[in-house]
Amino acid sequence: MSGAASYDMLFVEQPQNCPIPLPTPNDIDGSEALLNESSGSRLVRIQQRFVMKYGAHVRPIEAYNMLYVAKSTAVPVPKVYAIYQRREKQGLVTYIVMQYVQGTTLLNLWGSLGQARKTSIAKTLRTYFKYIFTKLASGWPIRLGITNMSCQLSFVGMVPPSLPTMTFRGRTSWCRIMVL
């Protein structure tokens, strides 16, 4: 592709562990299926097997955390295949290429669920996050995006605000939890 913008590769999975070829930031042409968009980030499906999350508010630490959680726990997270960055007019933009998991996001499903199912999901999430927060307290090498007393654990989809608050280092923090 002539005239394609250059980018830095921060991480690329070993070829034997991922489908080839992996999409790059230059493969985004606007025709992908838009799965989610928020201020400073977009989530698009590429080639039916990948999701690329990108934007000025996307940080590499999100992907590194997912890699570490996948390697060190049984907590389900999408497989991360690559992390790219490049300088664009809006600043430094991060691109995370990960596994596309077929299904309905919790955000889209939540309103149709009964209270018992919502409670069950909340308990499952609480178990995962309690495990992660316990590991954090014991010096686990993972960082959360903590801003204004809120934390973001980013996966795919968003749990409505009625779901759990977390106590972290003695403070109750409002958590915007995104899950697969």
C-alpha atoms as a PDB file:
ATOM      1  CA  MET A   1       0.000   0.000   0.000  1.00  0.00           C
ATOM      2  CA  SER A   2       1.790   3.158  -1.122  1.00  0.00           C
ATOM      3  CA  GLY A   3       1.617   6.229   1.069  1.00  0.00           C
ATOM      4  CA  ALA A   4       0.570   4.187   4.110  1.00  0.00           C
ATOM      5  CA  ALA A   5       1.291   5.867   7.435  1.00  0.00           C
ATOM      6  CA  SER A   6       4.053   4.327   9.525  1.00  0.00           C
ATOM      7  CA  TYR A   7       3.450   2.975  13.011  1.00  0.00           C
ATOM      8  CA  ASP A   8       5.422   1.489  15.901  1.00  0.00           C
ATOM      9  CA  MET A   9       4.901  -2.147  16.883  1.00  0.00           C
ATOM     10  CA  LEU A  10       4.835  -2.364  20.693  1.00  0.00           C
ATOM     11  CA  PHE A  11       3.874  -6.046  20.734  1.00  0.00           C
ATOM     12  CA  VAL A  12       3.133  -8.691  18.110  1.00  0.00           C
ATOM     13  CA  GLU A  13       2.192 -12.260  19.013  1.00  0.00           C
ATOM     14  CA  GLN A  14       4.434 -15.025  17.693  1.00  0.00           C
ATOM     15  CA  PRO A  15       3.221 -16.160  14.242  1.00  0.00           C
ATOM     16  CA  GLN A  16       2.562 -19.742  15.387  1.00  0.00           C
ATOM     17  CA  ASN A  17       0.104 -18.402  18.014  1.00  0.00           C
ATOM     18  CA  CYS A  18      -2.129 -16.276  15.804  1.00  0.00           C
ATOM     19  CA  PRO A  19      -3.951 -16.157  12.497  1.00  0.00           C
ATOM     20  CA  ILE A  20      -1.882 -14.553   9.777  1.00  0.00           C
ATOM     21  CA  PRO A  21      -1.878 -11.958   8.413  1.00  0.00           C
ATOM     22  CA  LEU A  22      -2.698  -9.673  11.321  1.00  0.00           C
ATOM     23  CA  PRO A  23      -4.422  -6.392  10.499  1.00  0.00           C
ATOM     24  CA  THR A  24      -2.460  -3.183  11.038  1.00  0.00           C
ATOM     25  CA  PRO A  25      -3.589   0.417  11.560  1.00  0.00           C
ATOM     26  CA  ASN A  26      -3.286   0.852   7.779  1.00  0.00           C
ATOM     27  CA  ASP A  27      -6.035  -1.760   7.256  1.00  0.00           C
ATOM     28  CA  ILE A  28      -8.723   0.464   8.760  1.00  0.00           C
ATOM     29  CA  ASP A  29     -10.586   1.975   5.845  1.00  0.00           C
ATOM     30  CA  GLY A  30     -13.948   2.782   7.374  1.00  0.00           C
ATOM     31  CA  SER A  31     -15.740  -0.258   5.977  1.00  0.00           C
ATOM     32  CA  GLU A  32     -15.282  -2.396   9.081  1.00  0.00           C
ATOM     33  CA  ALA A  33     -18.213  -3.223  11.341  1.00  0.00           C
ATOM     34  CA  LEU A  34     -18.264  -0.600  14.096  1.00  0.00           C
ATOM     35  CA  LEU A  35     -18.926  -2.420  17.366  1.00  0.00           C
ATOM     36  CA  ASN A  36     -18.586   0.476  19.797  1.00  0.00           C
ATOM     37  CA  GLU A  37     -17.561   4.108  19.804  1.00  0.00           C
ATOM     38  CA  SER A  38     -16.932   6.455  22.689  1.00  0.00           C
ATOM     39  CA  SER A  39     -15.035   9.652  23.217  1.00  0.00           C
ATOM     40  CA  GLY A  40     -11.484   8.963  22.103  1.00  0.00           C
ATOM     41  CA  SER A  41     -11.845   5.288  21.137  1.00  0.00           C
ATOM     42  CA  ARG A  42     -13.444   3.045  18.526  1.00  0.00           C
ATOM     43  CA  LEU A  43     -13.889  -0.712  18.385  1.00  0.00           C
ATOM     44  CA  VAL A  44     -14.176  -2.269  14.912  1.00  0.00           C
ATOM     45  CA  ARG A  45     -14.351  -5.831  13.629  1.00  0.00           C
ATOM     46  CA  ILE A  46     -11.867  -6.658  10.877  1.00  0.00           C
ATOM     47  CA  GLN A  47     -11.795  -9.790   8.671  1.00  0.00           C
ATOM     48  CA  GLN A  48     -14.413 -11.627  10.786  1.00  0.00           C
ATOM     49  CA  ARG A  49     -11.754 -12.812  13.259  1.00  0.00           C
ATOM     50  CA  PHE A  50     -10.232  -9.669  14.730  1.00  0.00           C
ATOM     51  CA  VAL A  51     -11.310  -6.666  16.745  1.00  0.00           C
ATOM     52  CA  MET A  52      -9.238  -3.515  16.701  1.00  0.00           C
ATOM     53  CA  LYS A  53      -9.662  -1.002  19.483  1.00  0.00           C
ATOM     54  CA  TYR A  54      -8.023   2.295  18.735  1.00  0.00           C
ATOM     55  CA  GLY A  55      -8.018   5.952  19.587  1.00  0.00           C
ATOM     56  CA  ALA A  56      -6.302   8.779  21.393  1.00  0.00           C
ATOM     57  CA  HIS A  57      -7.711   7.566  24.751  1.00  0.00           C
ATOM     58  CA  VAL A  58      -6.676   3.938  24.292  1.00  0.00           C
ATOM     59  CA  ARG A  59      -3.532   3.071  26.267  1.00  0.00           C
ATOM     60  CA  PRO A  60      -1.085   0.180  25.703  1.00  0.00           C
ATOM     61  CA  ILE A  61      -1.361  -0.763  29.395  1.00  0.00           C
ATOM     62  CA  GLU A  62      -4.886  -2.033  28.708  1.00  0.00           C
ATOM     63  CA  ALA A  63      -3.523  -4.644  26.284  1.00  0.00           C
ATOM     64  CA  TYR A  64      -0.528  -5.485  28.486  1.00  0.00           C
ATOM     65  CA  ASN A  65      -2.928  -6.080  31.396  1.00  0.00           C
ATOM     66  CA  MET A  66      -5.035  -8.388  29.217  1.00  0.00           C
ATOM     67  CA  LEU A  67      -1.910 -10.311  28.181  1.00  0.00           C
ATOM     68  CA  TYR A  68      -0.869 -10.705  31.807  1.00  0.00           C
ATOM     69  CA  VAL A  69      -4.329 -11.745  33.011  1.00  0.00           C
ATOM     70  CA  ALA A  70      -4.581 -14.314  30.184  1.00  0.00           C
ATOM     71  CA  LYS A  71      -1.156 -15.744  31.020  1.00  0.00           C
ATOM     72  CA  SER A  72      -1.514 -15.769  34.808  1.00  0.00           C
ATOM     73  CA  THR A  73      -5.168 -16.524  35.560  1.00  0.00           C
ATOM     74  CA  ALA A  74      -8.239 -18.385  34.382  1.00  0.00           C
ATOM     75  CA  VAL A  75     -10.157 -15.087  34.024  1.00  0.00           C
ATOM     76  CA  PRO A  76     -11.462 -15.048  30.420  1.00  0.00           C
ATOM     77  CA  VAL A  77     -10.163 -12.210  28.258  1.00  0.00           C
ATOM     78  CA  PRO A  78      -9.897 -11.926  24.469  1.00  0.00           C
ATOM     79  CA  LYS A  79      -6.505 -12.912  23.054  1.00  0.00           C
ATOM     80  CA  VAL A  80      -4.329  -9.895  22.246  1.00  0.00           C
ATOM     81  CA  TYR A  81      -2.433 -10.286  18.966  1.00  0.00           C
ATOM     82  CA  ALA A  82      -0.743  -6.915  18.519  1.00  0.00           C
ATOM     83  CA  ILE A  83      -0.296  -3.423  19.940  1.00  0.00           C
ATOM     84  CA  TYR A  84       0.602  -0.557  17.607  1.00  0.00           C
ATOM     85  CA  GLN A  85       1.017   3.187  18.041  1.00  0.00           C
ATOM     86  CA  ARG A  86       1.431   6.106  15.692  1.00  0.00           C
ATOM     87  CA  ARG A  87       1.353   9.856  15.849  1.00  0.00           C
ATOM     88  CA  GLU A  88      -1.759  11.329  14.245  1.00  0.00           C
ATOM     89  CA  LYS A  89      -3.303  14.797  14.192  1.00  0.00           C
ATOM     90  CA  GLN A  90      -5.195  14.120  17.461  1.00  0.00           C
ATOM     91  CA  GLY A  91      -1.987  12.936  19.192  1.00  0.00           C
ATOM     92  CA  LEU A  92      -0.528   9.532  19.933  1.00  0.00           C
ATOM     93  CA  VAL A  93      -3.033   6.841  18.919  1.00  0.00           C
ATOM     94  CA  THR A  94      -2.844   3.267  20.230  1.00  0.00           C
ATOM     95  CA  TYR A  95      -4.246   0.299  18.269  1.00  0.00           C
ATOM     96  CA  ILE A  96      -4.952  -3.018  19.998  1.00  0.00           C
ATOM     97  CA  VAL A  97      -5.633  -6.031  17.753  1.00  0.00           C
ATOM     98  CA  MET A  98      -7.456  -8.809  19.581  1.00  0.00           C
ATOM     99  CA  GLN A  99      -9.597 -11.866  19.069  1.00  0.00           C
ATOM    100  CA  TYR A 100     -13.167 -11.317  17.901  1.00  0.00           C
ATOM    101  CA  VAL A 101     -15.571 -13.288  20.078  1.00  0.00           C
ATOM    102  CA  GLN A 102     -18.959 -13.905  18.488  1.00  0.00           C
ATOM    103  CA  GLY A 103     -21.932 -12.921  20.608  1.00  0.00           C
ATOM    104  CA  THR A 104     -23.980 -10.095  22.065  1.00  0.00           C
ATOM    105  CA  THR A 105     -22.280  -7.558  24.308  1.00  0.00           C
ATOM    106  CA  LEU A 106     -23.451  -7.282  27.869  1.00  0.00           C
ATOM    107  CA  LEU A 107     -24.317  -3.656  27.171  1.00  0.00           C
ATOM    108  CA  ASN A 108     -26.812  -4.741  24.501  1.00  0.00           C
ATOM    109  CA  LEU A 109     -28.121  -7.685  26.494  1.00  0.00           C
ATOM    110  CA  TRP A 110     -28.459  -6.102  29.942  1.00  0.00           C
ATOM    111  CA  GLY A 111     -31.884  -4.488  29.521  1.00  0.00           C
ATOM    112  CA  SER A 112     -33.490  -7.783  28.520  1.00  0.00           C
ATOM    113  CA  LEU A 113     -32.112  -9.791  31.441  1.00  0.00           C
ATOM    114  CA  GLY A 114     -34.130 -10.674  34.521  1.00  0.00           C
ATOM    115  CA  GLN A 115     -32.926  -9.689  37.973  1.00  0.00           C
ATOM    116  CA  ALA A 116     -31.741 -13.230  38.830  1.00  0.00           C
ATOM    117  CA  ARG A 117     -29.517 -13.366  35.721  1.00  0.00           C
ATOM    118  CA  LYS A 118     -28.149  -9.859  36.397  1.00  0.00           C
ATOM    119  CA  THR A 119     -27.312 -10.911  39.949  1.00  0.00           C
ATOM    120  CA  SER A 120     -25.585 -14.051  38.698  1.00  0.00           C
ATOM    121  CA  ILE A 121     -23.485 -12.044  36.244  1.00  0.00           C
ATOM    122  CA  ALA A 122     -22.625  -9.500  38.932  1.00  0.00           C
ATOM    123  CA  LYS A 123     -21.462 -12.288  41.257  1.00  0.00           C
ATOM    124  CA  THR A 124     -19.286 -13.801  38.533  1.00  0.00           C
ATOM    125  CA  LEU A 125     -17.740 -10.412  37.774  1.00  0.00           C
ATOM    126  CA  ARG A 126     -17.224  -9.726  41.447  1.00  0.00           C
ATOM    127  CA  THR A 127     -15.323 -13.020  41.761  1.00  0.00           C
ATOM    128  CA  TYR A 128     -13.044 -12.084  38.847  1.00  0.00           C
ATOM    129  CA  PHE A 129     -12.416  -8.566  40.082  1.00  0.00           C
ATOM    130  CA  LYS A 130     -11.899  -9.634  43.673  1.00  0.00           C
ATOM    131  CA  TYR A 131      -9.248 -12.041  42.432  1.00  0.00           C
ATOM    132  CA  ILE A 132      -7.570  -9.329  40.342  1.00  0.00           C
ATOM    133  CA  PHE A 133      -7.720  -6.752  43.152  1.00  0.00           C
ATOM    134  CA  THR A 134      -6.310  -9.307  45.612  1.00  0.00           C
ATOM    135  CA  LYS A 135      -3.421  -9.897  43.213  1.00  0.00           C
ATOM    136  CA  LEU A 136      -2.912  -6.135  42.892  1.00  0.00           C
ATOM    137  CA  ALA A 137      -2.684  -5.794  46.662  1.00  0.00           C
ATOM    138  CA  SER A 138      -0.025  -8.519  46.733  1.00  0.00           C
ATOM    139  CA  GLY A 139       2.157  -6.687  44.230  1.00  0.00           C
ATOM    140  CA  TRP A 140       0.941  -8.219  40.987  1.00  0.00           C
ATOM    141  CA  PRO A 141       2.557  -6.363  38.068  1.00  0.00           C
ATOM    142  CA  ILE A 142      -0.634  -4.954  36.551  1.00  0.00           C
ATOM    143  CA  ARG A 143      -1.931  -1.388  36.544  1.00  0.00           C
ATOM    144  CA  LEU A 144      -5.419  -0.013  36.433  1.00  0.00           C
ATOM    145  CA  GLY A 145      -6.327   3.294  34.857  1.00  0.00           C
ATOM    146  CA  ILE A 146      -7.220   5.124  38.087  1.00  0.00           C
ATOM    147  CA  THR A 147      -8.583   8.603  37.511  1.00  0.00           C
ATOM    148  CA  ASN A 148     -10.694  10.767  39.789  1.00  0.00           C
ATOM    149  CA  MET A 149     -11.243   7.825  42.141  1.00  0.00           C
ATOM    150  CA  SER A 150     -12.629   5.665  39.348  1.00  0.00           C
ATOM    151  CA  CYS A 151     -11.100   2.586  37.813  1.00  0.00           C
ATOM    152  CA  GLN A 152     -11.445   1.093  34.399  1.00  0.00           C
ATOM    153  CA  LEU A 153     -10.854  -2.546  33.669  1.00  0.00           C
ATOM    154  CA  SER A 154     -11.370  -2.681  29.951  1.00  0.00           C
ATOM    155  CA  PHE A 155     -12.503  -5.709  28.051  1.00  0.00           C
ATOM    156  CA  VAL A 156     -15.368  -5.469  25.559  1.00  0.00           C
ATOM    157  CA  GLY A 157     -18.875  -4.101  26.322  1.00  0.00           C
ATOM    158  CA  MET A 158     -19.977  -2.127  29.392  1.00  0.00           C
ATOM    159  CA  VAL A 159     -21.753  -3.200  32.524  1.00  0.00           C
ATOM    160  CA  PRO A 160     -24.409  -0.676  33.575  1.00  0.00           C
ATOM    161  CA  PRO A 161     -23.668   1.554  36.590  1.00  0.00           C
ATOM    162  CA  SER A 162     -25.919  -0.521  38.859  1.00  0.00           C
ATOM    163  CA  LEU A 163     -23.121  -3.069  39.089  1.00  0.00           C
ATOM    164  CA  PRO A 164     -20.523  -3.254  41.736  1.00  0.00           C
ATOM    165  CA  THR A 165     -18.428  -0.669  43.402  1.00  0.00           C
ATOM    166  CA  MET A 166     -15.016  -1.885  44.457  1.00  0.00           C
ATOM    167  CA  THR A 167     -12.948  -1.202  47.531  1.00  0.00           C
ATOM    168  CA  PHE A 168      -9.377  -0.598  46.487  1.00  0.00           C
ATOM    169  CA  ARG A 169      -6.666   0.359  48.961  1.00  0.00           C
ATOM    170  CA  GLY A 170      -9.249   1.205  51.574  1.00  0.00           C
ATOM    171  CA  ARG A 171     -11.359   3.448  49.377  1.00  0.00           C
ATOM    172  CA  THR A 172     -14.612   2.607  47.682  1.00  0.00           C
ATOM    173  CA  SER A 173     -14.195   3.454  44.036  1.00  0.00           C
ATOM    174  CA  TRP A 174     -16.850   3.699  41.399  1.00  0.00           C
ATOM    175  CA  CYS A 175     -15.905   1.185  38.748  1.00  0.00           C
ATOM    176  CA  ARG A 176     -16.907   1.390  35.147  1.00  0.00           C
ATOM    177  CA  ILE A 177     -16.384  -2.237  34.295  1.00  0.00           C
ATOM    178  CA  MET A 178     -16.206  -3.391  30.718  1.00  0.00           C
ATOM    179  CA  VAL A 179     -16.552  -7.099  30.152  1.00  0.00           C
ATOM    180  CA  LEU A 180     -16.626  -9.572  27.307  1.00  0.00           C
END
